[in-house]
């Protein structure tokens, strides 16, 4: 699923996986209110968080969030 999203939206949306077990990943997760995993954060082109919540998500749910970030 991740590779498909990257192929389809990669020119308009940067998809990043964060390891919450790393120092940097933990900091990012806490800044966005994600204290459990898996979590999902959507940040728009202006740097605004448009979604932060827990997963897991099915492919349709994730695709919808990515489409929104891509302006579709």
Protein backbone atom coordinates (compact mmCIF):
# COMPACT_ATOMS: atom_id res chain seq x y z
CA UNK A 1 0.00 0.00 0.00
CA UNK A 2 2.75 2.48 0.97
CA UNK A 3 4.61 2.01 -2.32
CA UNK A 4 1.38 2.48 -4.30
CA UNK A 5 0.64 5.74 -2.48
CA UNK A 6 4.20 6.95 -3.06
CA UNK A 7 3.93 6.16 -6.78
CA UNK A 8 0.55 7.84 -7.15
CA UNK A 9 1.02 10.92 -4.94
CA UNK A 10 4.80 11.20 -4.48
CA UNK A 11 5.13 14.30 -6.64
CA UNK A 12 2.55 16.18 -4.55
CA UNK A 13 2.86 14.60 -1.11
CA UNK A 14 5.92 13.56 0.86
CA UNK A 15 5.24 10.25 2.60
CA UNK A 16 7.48 9.60 5.60
CA UNK A 17 7.55 6.64 7.94
CA UNK A 18 8.65 7.45 11.48
CA UNK A 19 10.00 4.91 13.96
CA UNK A 20 8.40 5.85 17.28
CA UNK A 21 11.06 3.80 19.06
CA UNK A 22 13.81 6.18 17.90
CA UNK A 23 14.54 9.44 19.74
CA UNK A 24 13.51 11.54 16.71
CA UNK A 25 10.42 9.45 16.04
CA UNK A 26 9.28 9.64 19.66
CA UNK A 27 9.70 13.43 19.62
CA UNK A 28 7.69 13.74 16.39
CA UNK A 29 4.93 11.48 17.71
CA UNK A 30 4.66 13.35 21.01
CA UNK A 31 4.57 16.72 19.23
CA UNK A 32 1.52 15.43 17.35
CA UNK A 33 -0.19 13.79 20.33
CA UNK A 34 0.51 10.22 19.21
CA UNK A 35 1.30 8.15 22.31
CA UNK A 36 0.51 4.69 20.95
CA UNK A 37 1.24 2.97 17.69
CA UNK A 38 0.57 2.75 14.91
CA UNK A 39 -0.21 6.41 14.41
CA UNK A 40 -0.81 8.47 11.33
CA UNK A 41 -0.08 12.19 10.89
CA UNK A 42 -0.94 14.33 7.87
CA UNK A 43 0.89 17.65 7.49
CA UNK A 44 -0.14 19.88 4.59
CA UNK A 45 2.19 21.86 2.31
CA UNK A 46 1.94 24.87 4.62
CA UNK A 47 3.21 22.78 7.53
CA UNK A 48 -0.16 22.53 9.27
CA UNK A 49 -1.19 19.24 10.84
CA UNK A 50 -4.49 18.32 9.22
CA UNK A 51 -4.82 14.93 10.91
CA UNK A 52 -3.14 13.14 13.80
CA UNK A 53 -4.56 9.93 15.18
CA UNK A 54 -4.12 6.26 15.82
CA UNK A 55 -4.26 3.51 13.24
CA UNK A 56 -4.24 1.02 11.84
CA UNK A 57 -6.13 2.19 8.82
CA UNK A 58 -7.38 0.21 5.91
CA UNK A 59 -6.14 1.15 2.44
CA UNK A 60 -9.27 3.20 1.71
CA UNK A 61 -8.87 5.29 4.88
CA UNK A 62 -5.19 6.00 4.33
CA UNK A 63 -5.78 6.79 0.66
CA UNK A 64 -8.50 9.28 1.61
CA UNK A 65 -6.17 11.12 4.00
CA UNK A 66 -3.38 11.23 1.40
CA UNK A 67 -5.80 12.41 -1.30
CA UNK A 68 -6.89 15.24 0.98
CA UNK A 69 -3.28 16.28 1.55
CA UNK A 70 -2.70 16.13 -2.22
CA UNK A 71 -5.61 18.49 -2.81
CA UNK A 72 -7.96 15.96 -4.39
